[in-house]
Amino acid sequence: MGRNLITLAEKNEIYPKDDLLWNAAVTAGNKLVSLGTTWSNFKSFEDLNDNETKVVYNYLDKYGLEHPSIPIEDLV
């Protein structure tokens, strides 16, 4: 989900005209991708700020947890 949030934002498929939520999608994606790594300060959903929480809920409402991975190659 984290990688998909980042890729969808980079492709301007989510929040193309809303810089605040676009940035929140990328930062939430980065936090989710780093979950469980030794260097990450992201430990739980509670560590997301309000805008990051909003974009994660919007993603889940639209795509769900079973959405297939979006290949990074699709960005070119």
PDB file of N, CA and C in Angstrom:
ATOM      1  N   MET A   1       0.819  -1.191   0.000  1.00  0.00           N
ATOM      2  CA  MET A   1       0.000   0.000   0.000  1.00  0.00           C
ATOM      3  C   MET A   1       0.862   1.253   0.000  1.00  0.00           C
ATOM      4  N   GLY A   2       1.937   1.236   0.740  1.00  0.00           N
ATOM      5  CA  GLY A   2       2.814   2.408   0.787  1.00  0.00           C
ATOM      6  C   GLY A   2       3.406   2.744  -0.563  1.00  0.00           C
ATOM      7  N   ARG A   3       3.928   1.720  -1.240  1.00  0.00           N
ATOM      8  CA  ARG A   3       4.509   1.933  -2.577  1.00  0.00           C
ATOM      9  C   ARG A   3       3.432   2.396  -3.548  1.00  0.00           C
ATOM     10  N   ASN A   4       2.220   1.847  -3.458  1.00  0.00           N
ATOM     11  CA  ASN A   4       1.131   2.271  -4.339  1.00  0.00           C
ATOM     12  C   ASN A   4       0.742   3.720  -4.097  1.00  0.00           C
ATOM     13  N   LEU A   5       0.698   4.152  -2.851  1.00  0.00           N
ATOM     14  CA  LEU A   5       0.393   5.552  -2.564  1.00  0.00           C
ATOM     15  C   LEU A   5       1.411   6.470  -3.229  1.00  0.00           C
ATOM     16  N   ILE A   6       2.670   6.122  -3.101  1.00  0.00           N
ATOM     17  CA  ILE A   6       3.734   6.940  -3.698  1.00  0.00           C
ATOM     18  C   ILE A   6       3.605   6.949  -5.221  1.00  0.00           C
ATOM     19  N   THR A   7       3.427   5.783  -5.810  1.00  0.00           N
ATOM     20  CA  THR A   7       3.347   5.683  -7.274  1.00  0.00           C
ATOM     21  C   THR A   7       2.134   6.430  -7.816  1.00  0.00           C
ATOM     22  N   LEU A   8       0.969   6.272  -7.177  1.00  0.00           N
ATOM     23  CA  LEU A   8      -0.229   6.976  -7.628  1.00  0.00           C
ATOM     24  C   LEU A   8      -0.044   8.493  -7.535  1.00  0.00           C
ATOM     25  N   ALA A   9       0.621   8.944  -6.487  1.00  0.00           N
ATOM     26  CA  ALA A   9       0.884  10.383  -6.359  1.00  0.00           C
ATOM     27  C   ALA A   9       1.852  10.846  -7.448  1.00  0.00           C
ATOM     28  N   GLU A  10       2.906  10.094  -7.671  1.00  0.00           N
ATOM     29  CA  GLU A  10       3.887  10.467  -8.691  1.00  0.00           C
ATOM     30  C   GLU A  10       3.271  10.485 -10.089  1.00  0.00           C
ATOM     31  N   LYS A  11       2.279   9.630 -10.322  1.00  0.00           N
ATOM     32  CA  LYS A  11       1.588   9.599 -11.608  1.00  0.00           C
ATOM     33  C   LYS A  11       0.453  10.621 -11.671  1.00  0.00           C
ATOM     34  N   ASN A  12       0.288  11.392 -10.585  1.00  0.00           N
ATOM     35  CA  ASN A  12      -0.786  12.388 -10.463  1.00  0.00           C
ATOM     36  C   ASN A  12      -2.169  11.779 -10.633  1.00  0.00           C
ATOM     37  N   GLU A  13      -2.330  10.558 -10.151  1.00  0.00           N
ATOM     38  CA  GLU A  13      -3.627   9.899 -10.176  1.00  0.00           C
ATOM     39  C   GLU A  13      -4.402  10.134  -8.885  1.00  0.00           C
ATOM     40  N   ILE A  14      -3.711  10.601  -7.860  1.00  0.00           N
ATOM     41  CA  ILE A  14      -4.396  11.001  -6.626  1.00  0.00           C
ATOM     42  C   ILE A  14      -3.907  12.400  -6.249  1.00  0.00           C
ATOM     43  N   TYR A  15      -4.844  13.237  -5.906  1.00  0.00           N
ATOM     44  CA  TYR A  15      -4.582  14.609  -5.441  1.00  0.00           C
ATOM     45  C   TYR A  15      -3.705  15.434  -6.392  1.00  0.00           C
ATOM     46  N   PRO A  16      -3.985  15.422  -7.681  1.00  0.00           N
ATOM     47  CA  PRO A  16      -3.121  16.175  -8.611  1.00  0.00           C
ATOM     48  C   PRO A  16      -3.184  17.688  -8.416  1.00  0.00           C
ATOM     49  N   LYS A  17      -4.254  18.180  -7.821  1.00  0.00           N
ATOM     50  CA  LYS A  17      -4.399  19.631  -7.646  1.00  0.00           C
ATOM     51  C   LYS A  17      -4.396  20.053  -6.181  1.00  0.00           C
ATOM     52  N   ASP A  18      -4.052  19.131  -5.302  1.00  0.00           N
ATOM     53  CA  ASP A  18      -4.035  19.425  -3.872  1.00  0.00           C
ATOM     54  C   ASP A  18      -2.654  19.090  -3.317  1.00  0.00           C
ATOM     55  N   ASP A  19      -1.786  20.095  -3.267  1.00  0.00           N
ATOM     56  CA  ASP A  19      -0.402  19.872  -2.831  1.00  0.00           C
ATOM     57  C   ASP A  19      -0.307  19.306  -1.424  1.00  0.00           C
ATOM     58  N   LEU A  20      -1.182  19.756  -0.532  1.00  0.00           N
ATOM     59  CA  LEU A  20      -1.138  19.293   0.860  1.00  0.00           C
ATOM     60  C   LEU A  20      -1.401  17.789   0.933  1.00  0.00           C
ATOM     61  N   LEU A  21      -2.471  17.322   0.282  1.00  0.00           N
ATOM     62  CA  LEU A  21      -2.793  15.898   0.333  1.00  0.00           C
ATOM     63  C   LEU A  21      -1.864  15.072  -0.552  1.00  0.00           C
ATOM     64  N   TRP A  22      -1.368  15.647  -1.647  1.00  0.00           N
ATOM     65  CA  TRP A  22      -0.397  14.949  -2.480  1.00  0.00           C
ATOM     66  C   TRP A  22       0.853  14.633  -1.647  1.00  0.00           C
ATOM     67  N   ASN A  23       1.353  15.652  -0.940  1.00  0.00           N
ATOM     68  CA  ASN A  23       2.528  15.451  -0.070  1.00  0.00           C
ATOM     69  C   ASN A  23       2.227  14.468   1.044  1.00  0.00           C
ATOM     70  N   ALA A  24       1.018  14.528   1.600  1.00  0.00           N
ATOM     71  CA  ALA A  24       0.631  13.596   2.661  1.00  0.00           C
ATOM     72  C   ALA A  24       0.610  12.163   2.137  1.00  0.00           C
ATOM     73  N   ALA A  25       0.178  11.976   0.878  1.00  0.00           N
ATOM     74  CA  ALA A  25       0.168  10.637   0.286  1.00  0.00           C
ATOM     75  C   ALA A  25       1.585  10.093   0.166  1.00  0.00           C
ATOM     76  N   VAL A  26       2.505  10.937  -0.268  1.00  0.00           N
ATOM     77  CA  VAL A  26       3.902  10.498  -0.418  1.00  0.00           C
ATOM     78  C   VAL A  26       4.528  10.209   0.941  1.00  0.00           C
ATOM     79  N   THR A  27       4.316  11.073   1.917  1.00  0.00           N
ATOM     80  CA  THR A  27       4.928  10.833   3.232  1.00  0.00           C
ATOM     81  C   THR A  27       4.294   9.636   3.937  1.00  0.00           C
ATOM     82  N   ALA A  28       2.981   9.472   3.794  1.00  0.00           N
ATOM     83  CA  ALA A  28       2.337   8.287   4.376  1.00  0.00           C
ATOM     84  C   ALA A  28       2.871   7.029   3.693  1.00  0.00           C
ATOM     85  N   GLY A  29       3.020   7.094   2.379  1.00  0.00           N
ATOM     86  CA  GLY A  29       3.583   5.951   1.657  1.00  0.00           C
ATOM     87  C   GLY A  29       4.982   5.618   2.129  1.00  0.00           C
ATOM     88  N   ASN A  30       5.807   6.633   2.307  1.00  0.00           N
ATOM     89  CA  ASN A  30       7.173   6.405   2.803  1.00  0.00           C
ATOM     90  C   ASN A  30       7.161   5.787   4.188  1.00  0.00           C
ATOM     91  N   LYS A  31       6.287   6.259   5.050  1.00  0.00           N
ATOM     92  CA  LYS A  31       6.203   5.696   6.403  1.00  0.00           C
ATOM     93  C   LYS A  31       5.767   4.238   6.345  1.00  0.00           C
ATOM     94  N   LEU A  32       4.779   3.928   5.513  1.00  0.00           N
ATOM     95  CA  LEU A  32       4.300   2.550   5.414  1.00  0.00           C
ATOM     96  C   LEU A  32       5.361   1.631   4.823  1.00  0.00           C
ATOM     97  N   VAL A  33       6.119   2.119   3.862  1.00  0.00           N
ATOM     98  CA  VAL A  33       7.181   1.307   3.263  1.00  0.00           C
ATOM     99  C   VAL A  33       8.277   1.008   4.281  1.00  0.00           C
ATOM    100  N   SER A  34       8.535   1.947   5.184  1.00  0.00           N
ATOM    101  CA  SER A  34       9.624   1.768   6.145  1.00  0.00           C
ATOM    102  C   SER A  34       9.196   1.029   7.414  1.00  0.00           C
ATOM    103  N   LEU A  35       7.919   0.697   7.526  1.00  0.00           N
ATOM    104  CA  LEU A  35       7.414   0.001   8.718  1.00  0.00           C
ATOM    105  C   LEU A  35       8.199  -1.282   8.965  1.00  0.00           C
ATOM    106  N   GLY A  36       8.669  -1.430  10.169  1.00  0.00           N
ATOM    107  CA  GLY A  36       9.386  -2.635  10.553  1.00  0.00           C
ATOM    108  C   GLY A  36      10.886  -2.580  10.351  1.00  0.00           C
ATOM    109  N   THR A  37      11.380  -1.521   9.708  1.00  0.00           N
ATOM    110  CA  THR A  37      12.827  -1.417   9.544  1.00  0.00           C
ATOM    111  C   THR A  37      13.440  -0.876  10.837  1.00  0.00           C
ATOM    112  N   THR A  38      14.688  -1.170  11.053  1.00  0.00           N
ATOM    113  CA  THR A  38      15.327  -0.773  12.310  1.00  0.00           C
ATOM    114  C   THR A  38      15.480   0.738  12.435  1.00  0.00           C
ATOM    115  N   TRP A  39      15.572   1.447  11.315  1.00  0.00           N
ATOM    116  CA  TRP A  39      15.816   2.892  11.352  1.00  0.00           C
ATOM    117  C   TRP A  39      14.540   3.717  11.334  1.00  0.00           C
ATOM    118  N   SER A  40      13.373   3.078  11.226  1.00  0.00           N
ATOM    119  CA  SER A  40      12.114   3.799  11.115  1.00  0.00           C
ATOM    120  C   SER A  40      11.571   4.202  12.484  1.00  0.00           C
ATOM    121  N   ASN A  41      11.059   5.423  12.557  1.00  0.00           N
ATOM    122  CA  ASN A  41      10.367   5.868  13.765  1.00  0.00           C
ATOM    123  C   ASN A  41       8.875   5.587  13.683  1.00  0.00           C
ATOM    124  N   PHE A  42       8.423   5.077  12.554  1.00  0.00           N
ATOM    125  CA  PHE A  42       7.017   4.770  12.342  1.00  0.00           C
ATOM    126  C   PHE A  42       6.724   3.399  12.938  1.00  0.00           C
ATOM    127  N   LYS A  43       5.908   3.385  13.978  1.00  0.00           N
ATOM    128  CA  LYS A  43       5.626   2.138  14.687  1.00  0.00           C
ATOM    129  C   LYS A  43       4.176   1.686  14.559  1.00  0.00           C
ATOM    130  N   SER A  44       3.262   2.637  14.348  1.00  0.00           N
ATOM    131  CA  SER A  44       1.849   2.265  14.260  1.00  0.00           C
ATOM    132  C   SER A  44       1.074   3.316  13.482  1.00  0.00           C
ATOM    133  N   PHE A  45      -0.169   2.989  13.172  1.00  0.00           N
ATOM    134  CA  PHE A  45      -1.053   3.892  12.448  1.00  0.00           C
ATOM    135  C   PHE A  45      -1.201   5.230  13.172  1.00  0.00           C
ATOM    136  N   GLU A  46      -1.076   5.215  14.474  1.00  0.00           N
ATOM    137  CA  GLU A  46      -1.194   6.436  15.273  1.00  0.00           C
ATOM    138  C   GLU A  46      -0.075   7.429  14.982  1.00  0.00           C
ATOM    139  N   ASP A  47       1.005   6.980  14.355  1.00  0.00           N
ATOM    140  CA  ASP A  47       2.120   7.862  14.023  1.00  0.00           C
ATOM    141  C   ASP A  47       1.875   8.699  12.774  1.00  0.00           C
ATOM    142  N   LEU A  48       0.764   8.436  12.072  1.00  0.00           N
ATOM    143  CA  LEU A  48       0.410   9.251  10.905  1.00  0.00           C
ATOM    144  C   LEU A  48      -0.254  10.541  11.382  1.00  0.00           C
ATOM    145  N   ASN A  49       0.045  11.654  10.709  1.00  0.00           N
ATOM    146  CA  ASN A  49      -0.639  12.897  11.065  1.00  0.00           C
ATOM    147  C   ASN A  49      -2.049  12.881  10.455  1.00  0.00           C
ATOM    148  N   ASP A  50      -2.832  13.919  10.688  1.00  0.00           N
ATOM    149  CA  ASP A  50      -4.230  13.935  10.243  1.00  0.00           C
ATOM    150  C   ASP A  50      -4.366  13.808   8.729  1.00  0.00           C
ATOM    151  N   ASN A  51      -3.539  14.522   7.972  1.00  0.00           N
ATOM    152  CA  ASN A  51      -3.631  14.454   6.513  1.00  0.00           C
ATOM    153  C   ASN A  51      -3.178  13.099   5.983  1.00  0.00           C
ATOM    154  N   GLU A  52      -2.145  12.533   6.568  1.00  0.00           N
ATOM    155  CA  GLU A  52      -1.685  11.203   6.164  1.00  0.00           C
ATOM    156  C   GLU A  52      -2.755  10.157   6.467  1.00  0.00           C
ATOM    157  N   THR A  53      -3.397  10.281   7.606  1.00  0.00           N
ATOM    158  CA  THR A  53      -4.487   9.374   7.962  1.00  0.00           C
ATOM    159  C   THR A  53      -5.624   9.486   6.952  1.00  0.00           C
ATOM    160  N   LYS A  54      -5.943  10.703   6.570  1.00  0.00           N
ATOM    161  CA  LYS A  54      -7.020  10.936   5.601  1.00  0.00           C
ATOM    162  C   LYS A  54      -6.719  10.254   4.267  1.00  0.00           C
ATOM    163  N   VAL A  55      -5.499  10.412   3.762  1.00  0.00           N
ATOM    164  CA  VAL A  55      -5.187   9.812   2.460  1.00  0.00           C
ATOM    165  C   VAL A  55      -5.138   8.288   2.541  1.00  0.00           C
ATOM    166  N   VAL A  56      -4.700   7.738   3.666  1.00  0.00           N
ATOM    167  CA  VAL A  56      -4.695   6.281   3.821  1.00  0.00           C
ATOM    168  C   VAL A  56      -6.133   5.755   3.834  1.00  0.00           C
ATOM    169  N   TYR A  57      -7.015   6.413   4.570  1.00  0.00           N
ATOM    170  CA  TYR A  57      -8.421   5.990   4.571  1.00  0.00           C
ATOM    171  C   TYR A  57      -9.038   6.133   3.179  1.00  0.00           C
ATOM    172  N   ASN A  58      -8.732   7.218   2.483  1.00  0.00           N
ATOM    173  CA  ASN A  58      -9.246   7.402   1.119  1.00  0.00           C
ATOM    174  C   ASN A  58      -8.734   6.299   0.195  1.00  0.00           C
ATOM    175  N   TYR A  59      -7.460   5.954   0.322  1.00  0.00           N
ATOM    176  CA  TYR A  59      -6.892   4.873  -0.479  1.00  0.00           C
ATOM    177  C   TYR A  59      -7.620   3.562  -0.197  1.00  0.00           C
ATOM    178  N   LEU A  60      -7.794   3.255   1.082  1.00  0.00           N
ATOM    179  CA  LEU A  60      -8.466   2.008   1.449  1.00  0.00           C
ATOM    180  C   LEU A  60      -9.907   1.974   0.951  1.00  0.00           C
ATOM    181  N   ASP A  61     -10.608   3.100   1.031  1.00  0.00           N
ATOM    182  CA  ASP A  61     -11.982   3.160   0.536  1.00  0.00           C
ATOM    183  C   ASP A  61     -12.045   2.923  -0.968  1.00  0.00           C
ATOM    184  N   LYS A  62     -11.098   3.481  -1.693  1.00  0.00           N
ATOM    185  CA  LYS A  62     -11.122   3.390  -3.155  1.00  0.00           C
ATOM    186  C   LYS A  62     -10.526   2.089  -3.687  1.00  0.00           C
ATOM    187  N   TYR A  63      -9.400   1.667  -3.126  1.00  0.00           N
ATOM    188  CA  TYR A  63      -8.657   0.530  -3.669  1.00  0.00           C
ATOM    189  C   TYR A  63      -8.690  -0.715  -2.797  1.00  0.00           C
ATOM    190  N   GLY A  64      -8.846  -0.557  -1.497  1.00  0.00           N
ATOM    191  CA  GLY A  64      -8.823  -1.699  -0.583  1.00  0.00           C
ATOM    192  C   GLY A  64      -7.423  -2.243  -0.381  1.00  0.00           C
ATOM    193  N   LEU A  65      -7.325  -3.223   0.488  1.00  0.00           N
ATOM    194  CA  LEU A  65      -6.026  -3.820   0.790  1.00  0.00           C
ATOM    195  C   LEU A  65      -5.539  -4.761  -0.300  1.00  0.00           C
ATOM    196  N   GLU A  66      -6.435  -5.261  -1.111  1.00  0.00           N
ATOM    197  CA  GLU A  66      -6.072  -6.256  -2.110  1.00  0.00           C
ATOM    198  C   GLU A  66      -5.685  -5.657  -3.458  1.00  0.00           C
ATOM    199  N   HIS A  67      -5.544  -4.342  -3.540  1.00  0.00           N
ATOM    200  CA  HIS A  67      -5.171  -3.715  -4.803  1.00  0.00           C
ATOM    201  C   HIS A  67      -3.786  -4.201  -5.218  1.00  0.00           C
ATOM    202  N   PRO A  68      -3.644  -4.627  -6.463  1.00  0.00           N
ATOM    203  CA  PRO A  68      -2.327  -5.128  -6.897  1.00  0.00           C
ATOM    204  C   PRO A  68      -1.260  -4.036  -6.872  1.00  0.00           C
ATOM    205  N   SER A  69      -0.050  -4.486  -6.764  1.00  0.00           N
ATOM    206  CA  SER A  69       1.083  -3.554  -6.770  1.00  0.00           C
ATOM    207  C   SER A  69       1.170  -2.854  -8.124  1.00  0.00           C
ATOM    208  N   ILE A  70       1.449  -1.566  -8.089  1.00  0.00           N
ATOM    209  CA  ILE A  70       1.619  -0.783  -9.306  1.00  0.00           C
ATOM    210  C   ILE A  70       3.110  -0.714  -9.604  1.00  0.00           C
ATOM    211  N   PRO A  71       3.531  -1.295 -10.721  1.00  0.00           N
ATOM    212  CA  PRO A  71       4.972  -1.299 -11.037  1.00  0.00           C
ATOM    213  C   PRO A  71       5.506   0.115 -11.203  1.00  0.00           C
ATOM    214  N   ILE A  72       6.681   0.353 -10.690  1.00  0.00           N
ATOM    215  CA  ILE A  72       7.331   1.649 -10.782  1.00  0.00           C
ATOM    216  C   ILE A  72       7.631   1.998 -12.239  1.00  0.00           C
ATOM    217  N   GLU A  73       7.789   1.003 -13.103  1.00  0.00           N
ATOM    218  CA  GLU A  73       8.076   1.236 -14.505  1.00  0.00           C
ATOM    219  C   GLU A  73       6.951   2.021 -15.180  1.00  0.00           C
ATOM    220  N   ASP A  74       5.755   1.938 -14.627  1.00  0.00           N
ATOM    221  CA  ASP A  74       4.621   2.661 -15.197  1.00  0.00           C
ATOM    222  C   ASP A  74       4.771   4.173 -15.092  1.00  0.00           C
ATOM    223  N   LEU A  75       5.780   4.641 -14.359  1.00  0.00           N
ATOM    224  CA  LEU A  75       5.976   6.085 -14.203  1.00  0.00           C
ATOM    225  C   LEU A  75       6.622   6.714 -15.434  1.00  0.00           C
ATOM    226  N   VAL A  76       7.309   5.943 -16.231  1.00  0.00           N
ATOM    227  CA  VAL A  76       7.990   6.499 -17.403  1.00  0.00           C
ATOM    228  C   VAL A  76       7.104   6.564 -18.611  1.00  0.00           C
TER     229      VAL A  76
END
